[in-house]
Amino acid sequence: MPVFDLTINIIVLFVLIGLAALAGFGLRSGQLAKKNRQIAELEREVALVSAEILQVQKEYCELEMRCKDMSIPVIPMKQAAVAITKDNDPKKDDADAPSRDKNISNRTA
């Protein structure tokens, strides 16, 4: 009889090992499926964000092209300086000289 009990114990041991292995494979496959879903979700999110960035870049380029085509009424400093010197008349400066001299104070603080 002791041989019979040992055989049952070995079979029970193998069955328990098999059930533990199946449970382990089941749990691990569940974890892998969850990770794959998370990876797929993150990939979709990255694609969506990239699409938004590309849309904003496209709008920026279109705005830049519209601004480039516009004629902006800005006078460069070099042209403004030339225009001022042409407008100044030496006779005007001499006529204002006595009034400027009266406004200058000789006092020091």
N, C-alpha and C. Protein backbone atom coordinates (compact mmCIF):
# COMPACT_ATOMS: atom_id res chain seq x y z
N MET A 1 0.78 -1.21 0.00
CA MET A 1 0.00 0.00 0.00
C MET A 1 0.82 1.27 0.00
N PRO A 2 1.93 1.32 0.61
CA PRO A 2 2.68 2.57 0.61
C PRO A 2 3.08 2.99 -0.80
N VAL A 3 3.23 2.08 -1.73
CA VAL A 3 3.59 2.41 -3.10
C VAL A 3 2.44 3.18 -3.76
N PHE A 4 1.24 2.78 -3.49
CA PHE A 4 0.07 3.44 -4.06
C PHE A 4 -0.03 4.89 -3.60
N ASP A 5 0.21 5.15 -2.36
CA ASP A 5 0.14 6.51 -1.82
C ASP A 5 1.22 7.40 -2.44
N LEU A 6 2.38 6.84 -2.68
CA LEU A 6 3.46 7.61 -3.28
C LEU A 6 3.13 7.97 -4.73
N THR A 7 2.49 7.10 -5.45
CA THR A 7 2.10 7.36 -6.83
C THR A 7 1.06 8.47 -6.89
N ILE A 8 0.12 8.46 -6.01
CA ILE A 8 -0.91 9.51 -5.98
C ILE A 8 -0.27 10.85 -5.62
N ASN A 9 0.65 10.84 -4.72
CA ASN A 9 1.32 12.09 -4.33
C ASN A 9 2.13 12.67 -5.48
N ILE A 10 2.76 11.83 -6.28
CA ILE A 10 3.54 12.30 -7.42
C ILE A 10 2.61 12.87 -8.49
N ILE A 11 1.49 12.20 -8.74
CA ILE A 11 0.53 12.69 -9.72
C ILE A 11 -0.05 14.02 -9.27
N VAL A 12 -0.40 14.11 -8.01
CA VAL A 12 -0.93 15.37 -7.46
C VAL A 12 0.12 16.47 -7.59
N LEU A 13 1.37 16.14 -7.36
CA LEU A 13 2.46 17.11 -7.47
C LEU A 13 2.58 17.62 -8.90
N PHE A 14 2.53 16.70 -9.88
CA PHE A 14 2.61 17.11 -11.29
C PHE A 14 1.40 17.95 -11.71
N VAL A 15 0.24 17.58 -11.21
CA VAL A 15 -0.98 18.35 -11.52
C VAL A 15 -0.87 19.75 -10.93
N LEU A 16 -0.39 19.86 -9.72
CA LEU A 16 -0.23 21.18 -9.09
C LEU A 16 0.81 22.03 -9.84
N ILE A 17 1.89 21.40 -10.26
CA ILE A 17 2.91 22.11 -11.04
C ILE A 17 2.34 22.58 -12.36
N GLY A 18 1.56 21.73 -13.03
CA GLY A 18 0.93 22.11 -14.29
C GLY A 18 -0.06 23.25 -14.11
N LEU A 19 -0.88 23.20 -13.05
CA LEU A 19 -1.83 24.28 -12.78
C LEU A 19 -1.10 25.59 -12.47
N ALA A 20 -0.01 25.50 -11.73
CA ALA A 20 0.77 26.70 -11.42
C ALA A 20 1.38 27.30 -12.68
N ALA A 21 1.86 26.42 -13.57
CA ALA A 21 2.43 26.90 -14.83
C ALA A 21 1.36 27.57 -15.69
N LEU A 22 0.18 26.94 -15.78
CA LEU A 22 -0.92 27.56 -16.54
C LEU A 22 -1.34 28.90 -15.94
N ALA A 23 -1.41 28.97 -14.62
CA ALA A 23 -1.77 30.23 -13.97
C ALA A 23 -0.70 31.30 -14.24
N GLY A 24 0.55 30.90 -14.20
CA GLY A 24 1.63 31.85 -14.49
C GLY A 24 1.60 32.34 -15.92
N PHE A 25 1.38 31.42 -16.87
CA PHE A 25 1.27 31.83 -18.27
C PHE A 25 0.07 32.74 -18.49
N GLY A 26 -1.03 32.42 -17.83
CA GLY A 26 -2.24 33.24 -17.96
C GLY A 26 -2.04 34.65 -17.41
N LEU A 27 -1.42 34.74 -16.25
CA LEU A 27 -1.17 36.06 -15.66
C LEU A 27 -0.20 36.87 -16.53
N ARG A 28 0.83 36.21 -17.00
CA ARG A 28 1.83 36.92 -17.81
C ARG A 28 1.24 37.36 -19.15
N SER A 29 0.41 36.54 -19.76
CA SER A 29 -0.21 36.96 -21.02
C SER A 29 -1.16 38.13 -20.80
N GLY A 30 -1.82 38.17 -19.67
CA GLY A 30 -2.67 39.32 -19.32
C GLY A 30 -1.85 40.59 -19.16
N GLN A 31 -0.71 40.48 -18.50
CA GLN A 31 0.18 41.63 -18.34
C GLN A 31 0.69 42.12 -19.69
N LEU A 32 1.07 41.18 -20.55
CA LEU A 32 1.58 41.56 -21.88
C LEU A 32 0.49 42.23 -22.71
N ALA A 33 -0.74 41.71 -22.61
CA ALA A 33 -1.85 42.32 -23.36
C ALA A 33 -2.11 43.74 -22.86
N LYS A 34 -2.05 43.93 -21.55
CA LYS A 34 -2.25 45.27 -20.98
C LYS A 34 -1.15 46.22 -21.45
N LYS A 35 0.09 45.77 -21.44
CA LYS A 35 1.20 46.61 -21.90
C LYS A 35 1.07 46.93 -23.38
N ASN A 36 0.65 45.95 -24.19
CA ASN A 36 0.46 46.20 -25.62
C ASN A 36 -0.64 47.22 -25.87
N ARG A 37 -1.73 47.16 -25.07
CA ARG A 37 -2.79 48.17 -25.20
C ARG A 37 -2.26 49.56 -24.84
N GLN A 38 -1.47 49.63 -23.77
CA GLN A 38 -0.91 50.92 -23.37
C GLN A 38 0.03 51.46 -24.43
N ILE A 39 0.84 50.60 -25.01
CA ILE A 39 1.77 51.03 -26.06
C ILE A 39 1.00 51.53 -27.26
N ALA A 40 -0.04 50.81 -27.65
CA ALA A 40 -0.86 51.24 -28.80
C ALA A 40 -1.52 52.59 -28.51
N GLU A 41 -2.01 52.78 -27.28
CA GLU A 41 -2.64 54.05 -26.90
C GLU A 41 -1.62 55.20 -26.95
N LEU A 42 -0.42 54.96 -26.45
CA LEU A 42 0.61 55.99 -26.47
C LEU A 42 1.05 56.30 -27.90
N GLU A 43 1.11 55.29 -28.75
CA GLU A 43 1.46 55.53 -30.15
C GLU A 43 0.39 56.39 -30.83
N ARG A 44 -0.89 56.11 -30.55
CA ARG A 44 -1.97 56.94 -31.11
C ARG A 44 -1.86 58.38 -30.60
N GLU A 45 -1.55 58.53 -29.31
CA GLU A 45 -1.42 59.87 -28.73
C GLU A 45 -0.25 60.63 -29.37
N VAL A 46 0.87 59.96 -29.57
CA VAL A 46 2.03 60.60 -30.21
C VAL A 46 1.69 60.99 -31.64
N ALA A 47 0.97 60.12 -32.35
CA ALA A 47 0.57 60.44 -33.73
C ALA A 47 -0.36 61.64 -33.75
N LEU A 48 -1.28 61.72 -32.79
CA LEU A 48 -2.21 62.85 -32.71
C LEU A 48 -1.46 64.15 -32.42
N VAL A 49 -0.53 64.09 -31.47
CA VAL A 49 0.25 65.29 -31.12
C VAL A 49 1.12 65.71 -32.30
N SER A 50 1.70 64.76 -32.99
CA SER A 50 2.52 65.08 -34.16
C SER A 50 1.67 65.72 -35.25
N ALA A 51 0.45 65.23 -35.43
CA ALA A 51 -0.44 65.82 -36.43
C ALA A 51 -0.80 67.25 -36.05
N GLU A 52 -1.03 67.49 -34.75
CA GLU A 52 -1.33 68.85 -34.30
C GLU A 52 -0.13 69.77 -34.54
N ILE A 53 1.07 69.29 -34.24
CA ILE A 53 2.27 70.09 -34.45
C ILE A 53 2.44 70.41 -35.93
N LEU A 54 2.21 69.43 -36.79
CA LEU A 54 2.32 69.67 -38.22
C LEU A 54 1.27 70.67 -38.71
N GLN A 55 0.06 70.62 -38.14
CA GLN A 55 -0.99 71.57 -38.51
C GLN A 55 -0.59 72.99 -38.10
N VAL A 56 -0.06 73.14 -36.90
CA VAL A 56 0.38 74.46 -36.43
C VAL A 56 1.54 74.96 -37.28
N GLN A 57 2.46 74.08 -37.64
CA GLN A 57 3.58 74.47 -38.50
C GLN A 57 3.08 74.91 -39.87
N LYS A 58 2.10 74.22 -40.40
CA LYS A 58 1.53 74.60 -41.69
C LYS A 58 0.88 75.97 -41.61
N GLU A 59 0.11 76.23 -40.54
CA GLU A 59 -0.52 77.54 -40.36
C GLU A 59 0.54 78.63 -40.23
N TYR A 60 1.61 78.33 -39.50
CA TYR A 60 2.68 79.31 -39.33
C TYR A 60 3.33 79.64 -40.67
N CYS A 61 3.60 78.62 -41.47
CA CYS A 61 4.22 78.85 -42.79
C CYS A 61 3.29 79.67 -43.69
N GLU A 62 1.98 79.38 -43.65
CA GLU A 62 1.04 80.15 -44.45
C GLU A 62 1.00 81.61 -44.00
N LEU A 63 1.02 81.82 -42.68
CA LEU A 63 1.02 83.19 -42.15
C LEU A 63 2.31 83.91 -42.53
N GLU A 64 3.42 83.21 -42.46
CA GLU A 64 4.70 83.80 -42.83
C GLU A 64 4.71 84.19 -44.31
N MET A 65 4.14 83.36 -45.16
CA MET A 65 4.08 83.67 -46.59
C MET A 65 3.19 84.89 -46.84
N ARG A 66 2.06 84.98 -46.10
CA ARG A 66 1.18 86.14 -46.27
C ARG A 66 1.88 87.42 -45.82
N CYS A 67 2.63 87.34 -44.72
CA CYS A 67 3.34 88.52 -44.23
C CYS A 67 4.48 88.90 -45.16
N LYS A 68 5.09 87.93 -45.79
CA LYS A 68 6.19 88.21 -46.71
C LYS A 68 5.66 88.93 -47.95
N ASP A 69 4.46 88.57 -48.39
CA ASP A 69 3.87 89.18 -49.57
C ASP A 69 3.39 90.60 -49.31
N MET A 70 3.09 90.93 -48.06
CA MET A 70 2.59 92.27 -47.73
C MET A 70 3.73 93.29 -47.81
N SER A 71 3.36 94.52 -48.19
CA SER A 71 4.36 95.58 -48.16
C SER A 71 4.20 96.30 -46.83
N ILE A 72 5.19 96.19 -46.00
CA ILE A 72 5.13 96.76 -44.67
C ILE A 72 5.70 98.18 -44.74
N PRO A 73 4.93 99.18 -44.28
CA PRO A 73 5.38 100.57 -44.38
C PRO A 73 6.39 100.94 -43.30
N VAL A 74 7.57 100.40 -43.41
CA VAL A 74 8.63 100.70 -42.45
C VAL A 74 9.76 101.36 -43.21
N ILE A 75 10.24 102.48 -42.69
CA ILE A 75 11.33 103.20 -43.33
C ILE A 75 12.62 102.77 -42.67
N PRO A 76 13.57 102.26 -43.43
CA PRO A 76 14.85 101.88 -42.84
C PRO A 76 15.57 103.11 -42.27
N MET A 77 16.39 102.91 -41.27
CA MET A 77 17.07 104.01 -40.58
C MET A 77 18.00 104.77 -41.52
N LYS A 78 18.67 104.12 -42.44
CA LYS A 78 19.60 104.80 -43.33
C LYS A 78 18.86 105.76 -44.25
N GLN A 79 17.72 105.33 -44.77
CA GLN A 79 16.95 106.22 -45.64
C GLN A 79 16.38 107.38 -44.85
N ALA A 80 15.96 107.16 -43.62
CA ALA A 80 15.41 108.23 -42.80
C ALA A 80 16.48 109.26 -42.48
N ALA A 81 17.70 108.84 -42.22
CA ALA A 81 18.78 109.78 -41.91
C ALA A 81 19.11 110.63 -43.13
N VAL A 82 19.11 110.06 -44.33
CA VAL A 82 19.36 110.81 -45.55
C VAL A 82 18.24 111.81 -45.78
N ALA A 83 17.01 111.42 -45.54
CA ALA A 83 15.87 112.31 -45.74
C ALA A 83 15.94 113.49 -44.77
N ILE A 84 16.36 113.27 -43.56
CA ILE A 84 16.45 114.36 -42.57
C ILE A 84 17.53 115.35 -42.98
N THR A 85 18.67 114.85 -43.41
CA THR A 85 19.74 115.77 -43.78
C THR A 85 19.37 116.58 -45.03
N LYS A 86 18.59 116.03 -45.93
CA LYS A 86 18.15 116.76 -47.11
C LYS A 86 17.13 117.83 -46.72
N ASP A 87 16.31 117.56 -45.73
CA ASP A 87 15.30 118.52 -45.30
C ASP A 87 15.89 119.68 -44.50
N ASN A 88 17.01 119.45 -43.84
CA ASN A 88 17.62 120.53 -43.04
C ASN A 88 18.19 121.60 -43.97
N ASP A 89 17.89 122.78 -43.65
CA ASP A 89 18.35 123.91 -44.45
C ASP A 89 19.29 124.73 -43.58
N PRO A 90 20.49 125.05 -44.02
CA PRO A 90 21.44 125.81 -43.18
C PRO A 90 20.89 127.19 -42.81
N LYS A 91 20.09 127.80 -43.67
CA LYS A 91 19.54 129.12 -43.36
C LYS A 91 18.57 129.04 -42.19
N LYS A 92 17.79 127.96 -42.10
CA LYS A 92 16.87 127.78 -40.99
C LYS A 92 17.63 127.67 -39.68
N ASP A 93 18.72 126.91 -39.70
CA ASP A 93 19.50 126.71 -38.50
C ASP A 93 20.10 128.02 -38.01
N ASP A 94 20.55 128.87 -38.92
CA ASP A 94 21.14 130.15 -38.53
C ASP A 94 20.08 131.09 -37.99
N ALA A 95 18.87 131.01 -38.50
CA ALA A 95 17.81 131.90 -38.03
C ALA A 95 17.39 131.55 -36.61
N ASP A 96 17.46 130.26 -36.25
CA ASP A 96 17.05 129.84 -34.91
C ASP A 96 18.18 129.97 -33.89
N ALA A 97 19.38 130.26 -34.31
CA ALA A 97 20.53 130.28 -33.42
C ALA A 97 20.38 131.27 -32.27
N PRO A 98 19.96 132.55 -32.49
CA PRO A 98 19.85 133.47 -31.36
C PRO A 98 18.83 133.02 -30.33
N SER A 99 17.71 132.43 -30.77
CA SER A 99 16.71 132.00 -29.80
C SER A 99 17.21 130.80 -29.01
N ARG A 100 18.02 129.96 -29.61
CA ARG A 100 18.58 128.83 -28.88
C ARG A 100 19.61 129.30 -27.87
N ASP A 101 20.35 130.31 -28.21
CA ASP A 101 21.36 130.80 -27.30
C ASP A 101 20.72 131.40 -26.05
N LYS A 102 19.55 131.98 -26.18
CA LYS A 102 18.87 132.56 -25.03
C LYS A 102 18.36 131.48 -24.09
N ASN A 103 18.01 130.33 -24.64
CA ASN A 103 17.48 129.25 -23.82
C ASN A 103 18.56 128.48 -23.06
N ILE A 104 19.82 128.60 -23.49
CA ILE A 104 20.90 127.88 -22.84
C ILE A 104 21.32 128.65 -21.61
N SER A 105 21.36 127.98 -20.51
CA SER A 105 21.74 128.61 -19.26
C SER A 105 23.23 128.42 -19.02
N ASN A 106 23.86 129.43 -18.45
CA ASN A 106 25.27 129.35 -18.15
C ASN A 106 25.54 128.79 -16.75
N ARG A 107 24.48 128.57 -16.01
CA ARG A 107 24.66 128.08 -14.66
C ARG A 107 24.95 126.58 -14.66
N THR A 108 25.70 126.17 -13.65
CA THR A 108 25.95 124.74 -13.46
C THR A 108 25.34 124.32 -12.14
N ALA A 109 24.94 123.11 -12.07
CA ALA A 109 24.26 122.64 -10.86
C ALA A 109 25.18 122.30 -9.75
